[in-house]
Amino acid sequence: MNRSCPDITRREFLAGSAAVAGLSVSANLAALAQTPDAAVDQKALIAITLDFEMSRNFPTWEDTHWDYEKGNLDDATKRYALEACRRVKRRGAVIHGFVVGRVFEQENVDWLREIVDMGHPLGNHTYDHVNVTATRPEDIQFRFHRAPWLMRDRAPREVIEDNIRLTTLAMKERLGIRPNGFRTPGGFNEGLNHRPDIQKMLLGLGFTWVSSRYPAHEIGEPGKPVGEPVFQSILAAQKTAQPYRYPSGLVEVPMNPISDITAFRGGRWKLDDFIEATRRSVAWAIEHGTVFDFLAHPSALGIRDPKFRTIDMICDMVDQASDRAQIVDLSTIARRAAAHPRS
């Protein structure tokens, strides 16, 4: 036992740790709220974000085992993610990736190192793709439901927080970086509006912004052509998918519809319809000088859009908009939202 330090009680230690954490959170939020570049502040901000995870029903509809191996990325998914990043880099822009921590258990993560070396930011997406709002063990994730001993008699909140911490640690160990932001697995119609406890947890873990909100919208009848009412519903949802600041100080950077998973799995859409919905949404953001956060997954988009038509179109639209729009990472969007909170 080390006798060089005075004895302190557990309560005193926790109180001191909480005080330090509180100072750290306050400093982080103050830094986030610094006024962003004036030129960026006047533009439509377009983000291209990719969640690096495996997805059920891809590459074939019968594939459901990925629910238990979300971080066991196959070679095709990694190739698509890497090429997408190279492609966007050549356009002078960035992709903001969010990585599931279990991928760092794979022997080779050179593809992720290359993405980081190109200047693309990577955020935390939990270790096992867990539901951060879960209050029951069976709701945390498929893997924990099938193997309940992974809980180790811990409360769901402890498991969730540990899942986030593990990913941050894995990123530091394998890539030498800290996560740039946090995205919740799955999106919630109201974000974390009614979960101040989760907001507080994320702030305590060092995050100043979160991407958790995905507003509800119509997708039409699965497998049928997409009609005008569905496109209009998606456009209407753009207004509720704009960044804002929670009372806690945590900034929300929503995911803008429609995501590739919602379109290709939920709606069984054709690629042309997905591209059209994305085109309209980006055009709306440019016209109104707002934000559009494109959400996709290489494990799904790589199957449905192997030639990168959607990503290329987004880059083309931003180029054509000239000084009215810019492709940025989510941290840039969060800084603008913190400096100019939505009423």
Protein backbone atom coordinates (compact mmCIF):
# COMPACT_ATOMS: atom_id res chain seq x y z
CA MET A 1 0.00 0.00 0.00
CA ASN A 2 1.27 3.48 -0.85
CA ARG A 3 1.55 5.49 2.39
CA SER A 4 2.92 8.65 0.79
CA CYS A 5 -0.53 10.17 0.26
CA PRO A 6 -2.91 11.13 3.07
CA ASP A 7 -5.87 8.84 3.58
CA ILE A 8 -9.12 10.15 2.14
CA THR A 9 -12.58 8.72 2.20
CA ARG A 10 -14.35 7.45 -0.93
CA ARG A 11 -16.91 10.22 -0.51
CA GLU A 12 -14.17 12.88 -0.44
CA PHE A 13 -12.51 11.37 -3.50
CA LEU A 14 -15.75 11.32 -5.49
CA ALA A 15 -16.59 14.85 -4.44
CA GLY A 16 -13.20 16.05 -5.59
CA SER A 17 -13.47 14.18 -8.88
CA ALA A 18 -16.91 15.66 -9.49
CA ALA A 19 -15.57 19.16 -8.88
CA VAL A 20 -12.74 18.64 -11.37
CA ALA A 21 -15.17 17.16 -13.90
CA GLY A 22 -17.47 20.13 -13.45
CA LEU A 23 -14.65 22.56 -14.15
CA SER A 24 -13.64 20.55 -17.21
CA VAL A 25 -17.19 20.49 -18.58
CA SER A 26 -17.55 24.24 -18.08
CA ALA A 27 -14.26 24.89 -19.85
CA ASN A 28 -15.17 22.62 -22.75
CA LEU A 29 -18.55 24.29 -23.24
CA ALA A 30 -17.01 27.75 -23.04
CA ALA A 31 -14.49 26.80 -25.73
CA LEU A 32 -17.23 25.37 -27.93
CA ALA A 33 -19.24 28.61 -27.73
CA GLN A 34 -16.42 30.76 -29.07
CA THR A 35 -17.60 32.72 -32.08
CA PRO A 36 -16.99 30.69 -35.26
CA ASP A 37 -15.41 32.06 -38.39
CA ALA A 38 -17.67 34.82 -39.76
CA ALA A 39 -17.52 33.44 -43.30
CA VAL A 40 -18.66 30.00 -42.17
CA ASP A 41 -21.40 31.57 -40.06
CA GLN A 42 -23.14 32.92 -43.17
CA LYS A 43 -23.12 29.71 -45.20
CA ALA A 44 -25.24 26.62 -45.48
CA LEU A 45 -23.26 23.94 -43.69
CA ILE A 46 -23.38 20.50 -45.29
CA ALA A 47 -21.93 17.46 -43.54
CA ILE A 48 -21.30 14.01 -44.96
CA THR A 49 -21.28 11.51 -42.10
CA LEU A 50 -20.69 7.78 -42.20
CA ASP A 51 -21.28 5.32 -39.36
CA PHE A 52 -18.61 2.62 -39.50
CA GLU A 53 -20.57 -0.48 -38.48
CA MET A 54 -22.19 -3.53 -40.02
CA SER A 55 -25.92 -3.44 -40.84
CA ARG A 56 -28.51 -6.19 -40.80
CA ASN A 57 -30.15 -7.00 -44.18
CA PHE A 58 -26.96 -6.09 -46.06
CA PRO A 59 -25.52 -7.29 -48.33
CA THR A 60 -28.51 -9.68 -48.51
CA TRP A 61 -31.89 -9.40 -46.81
CA GLU A 62 -31.27 -12.62 -44.88
CA ASP A 63 -28.18 -11.23 -43.15
CA THR A 64 -29.18 -10.64 -39.53
CA HIS A 65 -26.13 -11.92 -37.68
CA TRP A 66 -24.57 -8.44 -37.84
CA ASP A 67 -26.81 -7.50 -34.91
CA TYR A 68 -24.31 -9.43 -32.78
CA GLU A 69 -21.17 -8.32 -34.66
CA LYS A 70 -21.73 -4.63 -35.35
CA GLY A 71 -18.01 -3.89 -35.15
CA ASN A 72 -16.76 -6.83 -37.20
CA LEU A 73 -16.49 -4.83 -40.42
CA ASP A 74 -15.98 -6.86 -43.58
CA ASP A 75 -13.48 -5.96 -46.28
CA ALA A 76 -16.09 -4.55 -48.66
CA THR A 77 -17.37 -2.11 -46.04
CA LYS A 78 -13.86 -0.93 -45.18
CA ARG A 79 -12.94 -0.48 -48.85
CA TYR A 80 -16.05 1.59 -49.51
CA ALA A 81 -15.50 3.77 -46.43
CA LEU A 82 -11.88 4.40 -47.37
CA GLU A 83 -12.65 5.20 -51.00
CA ALA A 84 -15.46 7.55 -49.98
CA CYS A 85 -13.02 9.44 -47.78
CA ARG A 86 -10.40 9.58 -50.53
CA ARG A 87 -13.03 10.80 -52.97
CA VAL A 88 -14.26 13.60 -50.73
CA LYS A 89 -10.71 14.56 -49.77
CA ARG A 90 -9.91 15.11 -53.45
CA ARG A 91 -12.81 17.58 -53.49
CA GLY A 92 -11.18 19.53 -50.68
CA ALA A 93 -13.73 18.42 -48.08
CA VAL A 94 -14.10 16.01 -45.17
CA ILE A 95 -16.28 13.13 -44.07
CA HIS A 96 -17.12 12.84 -40.38
CA GLY A 97 -17.02 9.20 -39.39
CA PHE A 98 -18.41 7.52 -36.28
CA VAL A 99 -16.81 4.25 -35.30
CA VAL A 100 -18.12 1.30 -33.29
CA GLY A 101 -15.39 0.37 -30.85
CA ARG A 102 -15.31 -3.38 -31.46
CA VAL A 103 -13.72 -2.74 -34.86
CA PHE A 104 -10.50 -2.03 -32.95
CA GLU A 105 -10.36 -5.68 -31.96
CA GLN A 106 -9.56 -6.48 -35.60
CA GLU A 107 -5.90 -7.12 -36.34
CA ASN A 108 -5.53 -4.42 -38.97
CA VAL A 109 -6.90 -0.88 -38.66
CA ASP A 110 -4.63 0.70 -41.28
CA TRP A 111 -7.71 1.80 -43.24
CA LEU A 112 -8.83 3.90 -40.26
CA ARG A 113 -5.32 5.31 -39.83
CA GLU A 114 -5.37 6.43 -43.46
CA ILE A 115 -8.75 8.10 -42.95
CA VAL A 116 -7.40 9.98 -39.93
CA ASP A 117 -4.18 10.92 -41.76
CA MET A 118 -6.29 12.43 -44.56
CA GLY A 119 -7.81 14.79 -42.01
CA HIS A 120 -11.23 13.20 -41.62
CA PRO A 121 -12.54 13.36 -38.03
CA LEU A 122 -13.74 10.27 -36.19
CA GLY A 123 -16.35 10.23 -33.43
CA ASN A 124 -17.44 7.73 -30.79
CA HIS A 125 -20.38 5.45 -31.66
CA THR A 126 -20.18 3.22 -28.54
CA TYR A 127 -18.37 -0.11 -28.40
CA ASP A 128 -21.26 -2.48 -29.14
CA HIS A 129 -23.79 -0.11 -30.78
CA VAL A 130 -25.79 0.13 -27.56
CA ASN A 131 -29.05 1.98 -27.00
CA VAL A 132 -28.01 4.85 -24.73
CA THR A 133 -31.60 5.40 -23.59
CA ALA A 134 -32.05 1.80 -22.36
CA THR A 135 -33.22 1.36 -18.78
CA ARG A 136 -33.63 -2.44 -18.92
CA PRO A 137 -30.85 -4.95 -19.62
CA GLU A 138 -32.78 -6.56 -22.47
CA ASP A 139 -33.01 -3.23 -24.31
CA ILE A 140 -29.30 -2.42 -24.38
CA GLN A 141 -28.29 -4.41 -27.46
CA PHE A 142 -28.88 -7.80 -29.08
CA ARG A 143 -25.51 -9.09 -27.87
CA PHE A 144 -26.32 -8.33 -24.23
CA HIS A 145 -29.77 -9.90 -24.58
CA ARG A 146 -28.28 -13.17 -25.87
CA ALA A 147 -25.38 -13.11 -23.43
CA PRO A 148 -26.75 -11.48 -20.25
CA TRP A 149 -23.60 -12.39 -18.30
CA LEU A 150 -21.91 -9.49 -20.12
CA MET A 151 -23.85 -7.22 -17.77
CA ARG A 152 -21.83 -8.58 -14.81
CA ASP A 153 -24.57 -7.49 -12.39
CA ARG A 154 -24.22 -3.88 -13.47
CA ALA A 155 -27.06 -1.44 -14.01
CA PRO A 156 -27.83 -0.52 -17.65
CA ARG A 157 -26.49 2.99 -17.12
CA GLU A 158 -23.12 1.58 -15.99
CA VAL A 159 -22.92 -0.71 -19.01
CA ILE A 160 -23.76 2.12 -21.40
CA GLU A 161 -21.22 4.50 -19.89
CA ASP A 162 -18.57 1.77 -19.93
CA ASN A 163 -19.35 1.09 -23.62
CA ILE A 164 -18.65 4.72 -24.45
CA ARG A 165 -15.48 4.87 -22.35
CA LEU A 166 -14.15 1.68 -23.98
CA THR A 167 -14.46 3.18 -27.45
CA THR A 168 -12.64 6.34 -26.40
CA LEU A 169 -9.86 4.19 -24.91
CA ALA A 170 -9.68 1.99 -28.04
CA MET A 171 -9.36 5.05 -30.29
CA LYS A 172 -6.51 6.37 -28.16
CA GLU A 173 -4.74 2.98 -28.05
CA ARG A 174 -5.06 2.03 -31.74
CA LEU A 175 -5.11 5.44 -33.46
CA GLY A 176 -3.61 7.84 -30.93
CA ILE A 177 -6.60 10.19 -31.12
CA ARG A 178 -9.53 11.24 -28.98
CA PRO A 179 -13.03 11.00 -30.43
CA ASN A 180 -14.39 14.03 -32.24
CA GLY A 181 -17.97 14.05 -30.95
CA PHE A 182 -20.49 11.38 -30.11
CA ARG A 183 -23.33 9.86 -32.13
CA THR A 184 -25.95 7.66 -30.56
CA PRO A 185 -26.65 4.33 -32.20
CA GLY A 186 -30.10 4.82 -33.66
CA GLY A 187 -31.75 8.21 -33.85
CA PHE A 188 -34.50 9.52 -31.61
CA ASN A 189 -37.37 11.70 -32.78
CA GLU A 190 -36.89 14.08 -29.84
CA GLY A 191 -33.16 13.57 -29.47
CA LEU A 192 -32.22 13.74 -25.79
CA ASN A 193 -34.76 16.46 -24.98
CA HIS A 194 -36.32 14.38 -22.23
CA ARG A 195 -33.13 12.70 -21.01
CA PRO A 196 -31.10 15.26 -19.05
CA ASP A 197 -29.42 12.32 -17.32
CA ILE A 198 -27.86 11.18 -20.60
CA GLN A 199 -26.88 14.76 -21.44
CA LYS A 200 -25.10 14.98 -18.10
CA MET A 201 -23.38 11.63 -18.66
CA LEU A 202 -22.03 12.69 -22.05
CA LEU A 203 -20.83 16.04 -20.70
CA GLY A 204 -19.08 14.18 -17.89
CA LEU A 205 -17.37 11.96 -20.46
CA GLY A 206 -15.93 15.05 -22.15
CA PHE A 207 -18.33 15.50 -25.06
CA THR A 208 -19.65 18.98 -25.86
CA TRP A 209 -22.02 17.89 -28.62
CA VAL A 210 -24.05 14.87 -29.59
CA SER A 211 -25.76 13.69 -32.76
CA SER A 212 -28.85 11.87 -31.52
CA ARG A 213 -31.93 13.39 -33.11
CA TYR A 214 -33.54 11.93 -36.23
CA PRO A 215 -37.00 13.44 -36.86
CA ALA A 216 -39.94 11.31 -37.92
CA HIS A 217 -41.10 11.40 -41.53
CA GLU A 218 -43.00 9.31 -44.05
CA ILE A 219 -41.24 6.66 -46.13
CA GLY A 220 -44.16 5.33 -48.16
CA GLU A 221 -45.19 1.76 -48.75
CA PRO A 222 -42.16 -0.56 -48.77
CA GLY A 223 -41.09 -1.53 -52.25
CA LYS A 224 -43.41 0.96 -53.99
CA PRO A 225 -42.32 4.04 -55.97
CA VAL A 226 -41.81 7.06 -53.75
CA GLY A 227 -44.56 9.63 -54.20
CA GLU A 228 -44.50 13.40 -53.84
CA PRO A 229 -46.11 13.37 -50.33
CA VAL A 230 -43.14 11.37 -49.04
CA PHE A 231 -40.62 13.79 -50.53
CA GLN A 232 -42.54 16.70 -49.02
CA SER A 233 -42.63 14.99 -45.63
CA ILE A 234 -38.84 14.60 -45.71
CA LEU A 235 -38.40 18.25 -46.69
CA ALA A 236 -40.67 19.34 -43.84
CA ALA A 237 -38.55 17.31 -41.42
CA GLN A 238 -35.46 19.33 -42.34
CA LYS A 239 -36.77 22.21 -40.23
CA THR A 240 -36.77 20.05 -37.10
CA ALA A 241 -33.34 18.60 -37.87
CA GLN A 242 -31.46 21.82 -37.20
CA PRO A 243 -28.83 22.14 -34.43
CA TYR A 244 -29.68 23.54 -31.01
CA ARG A 245 -28.39 23.66 -27.46
CA TYR A 246 -29.95 21.75 -24.57
CA PRO A 247 -30.44 23.55 -21.23
CA SER A 248 -27.49 21.50 -19.94
CA GLY A 249 -25.21 23.21 -22.47
CA LEU A 250 -24.75 20.08 -24.58
CA VAL A 251 -25.23 20.87 -28.27
CA GLU A 252 -27.43 18.66 -30.46
CA VAL A 253 -26.44 18.19 -34.12
CA PRO A 254 -29.31 16.16 -35.59
CA MET A 255 -29.10 13.65 -38.40
CA ASN A 256 -31.09 14.92 -41.38
CA PRO A 257 -33.45 12.57 -43.19
CA ILE A 258 -33.46 10.46 -45.10
CA SER A 259 -30.78 8.00 -44.03
CA ASP A 260 -29.70 5.14 -46.24
CA ILE A 261 -30.91 2.55 -43.70
CA THR A 262 -34.37 4.14 -43.46
CA ALA A 263 -34.65 4.30 -47.24
CA PHE A 264 -33.16 0.98 -48.29
CA ARG A 265 -34.25 -1.17 -45.35
CA GLY A 266 -37.40 0.50 -44.07
CA GLY A 267 -38.77 1.67 -47.40
CA ARG A 268 -37.04 -0.75 -49.81
CA TRP A 269 -36.34 2.32 -51.94
CA LYS A 270 -34.63 2.43 -55.32
CA LEU A 271 -31.35 4.34 -55.46
CA ASP A 272 -32.77 7.05 -57.74
CA ASP A 273 -35.44 7.90 -55.17
CA PHE A 274 -32.84 8.11 -52.40
CA ILE A 275 -30.71 10.42 -54.52
CA GLU A 276 -33.71 12.61 -55.33
CA ALA A 277 -34.71 12.95 -51.66
CA THR A 278 -31.12 13.84 -50.77
CA ARG A 279 -30.89 16.33 -53.64
CA ARG A 280 -34.03 18.14 -52.52
CA SER A 281 -32.85 18.26 -48.92
CA VAL A 282 -29.41 19.64 -49.76
CA ALA A 283 -31.00 22.21 -52.07
CA TRP A 284 -33.36 23.27 -49.25
CA ALA A 285 -30.43 23.72 -46.85
CA ILE A 286 -28.49 25.79 -49.39
CA GLU A 287 -31.52 27.95 -50.19
CA HIS A 288 -32.23 28.66 -46.51
CA GLY A 289 -28.62 28.87 -45.30
CA THR A 290 -29.16 26.06 -42.81
CA VAL A 291 -27.61 22.68 -42.01
CA PHE A 292 -27.86 19.30 -43.68
CA ASP A 293 -26.18 16.30 -42.02
CA PHE A 294 -26.18 13.40 -44.49
CA LEU A 295 -26.29 10.08 -42.64
CA ALA A 296 -25.15 6.85 -44.26
CA HIS A 297 -23.45 3.55 -43.52
CA PRO A 298 -20.77 2.10 -45.83
CA SER A 299 -22.11 -1.39 -45.07
CA ALA A 300 -25.44 -0.39 -46.66
CA LEU A 301 -24.63 2.48 -49.03
CA GLY A 302 -21.80 0.45 -50.53
CA ILE A 303 -24.33 -2.19 -51.61
CA ARG A 304 -27.00 0.17 -52.95
CA ASP A 305 -24.76 2.96 -54.30
CA PRO A 306 -21.44 1.32 -55.22
CA LYS A 307 -20.45 4.15 -57.60
CA PHE A 308 -20.77 6.88 -54.95
CA ARG A 309 -23.48 8.73 -56.88
CA THR A 310 -25.06 10.25 -53.77
CA ILE A 311 -21.83 11.49 -52.20
CA ASP A 312 -20.60 12.86 -55.54
CA MET A 313 -23.90 14.69 -56.03
CA ILE A 314 -23.63 16.35 -52.61
CA CYS A 315 -20.11 17.54 -53.42
CA ASP A 316 -21.25 18.81 -56.84
CA MET A 317 -24.15 20.76 -55.32
CA VAL A 318 -21.93 22.44 -52.75
CA ASP A 319 -19.38 23.33 -55.44
CA GLN A 320 -22.12 24.83 -57.59
CA ALA A 321 -23.41 26.86 -54.66
CA SER A 322 -20.00 28.57 -54.49
CA ASP A 323 -19.69 30.79 -51.40
CA ARG A 324 -23.26 29.99 -50.22
CA ALA A 325 -22.39 26.54 -48.89
CA GLN A 326 -19.51 24.51 -47.48
CA ILE A 327 -18.91 20.89 -46.53
CA VAL A 328 -17.79 20.80 -42.90
CA ASP A 329 -17.46 18.42 -39.98
CA LEU A 330 -20.04 18.28 -37.21
CA SER A 331 -17.78 20.13 -34.76
CA THR A 332 -17.98 23.20 -37.00
CA ILE A 333 -21.77 22.93 -36.99
CA ALA A 334 -21.79 22.49 -33.22
CA ARG A 335 -19.64 25.60 -32.71
CA ARG A 336 -22.05 27.70 -34.74
CA ALA A 337 -25.02 26.32 -32.82
CA ALA A 338 -23.31 27.02 -29.49
CA ALA A 339 -22.46 30.59 -30.46
CA HIS A 340 -25.95 31.26 -31.82
CA PRO A 341 -28.37 29.03 -29.91
CA ARG A 342 -31.76 28.47 -31.47
CA SER A 343 -34.64 30.14 -29.69
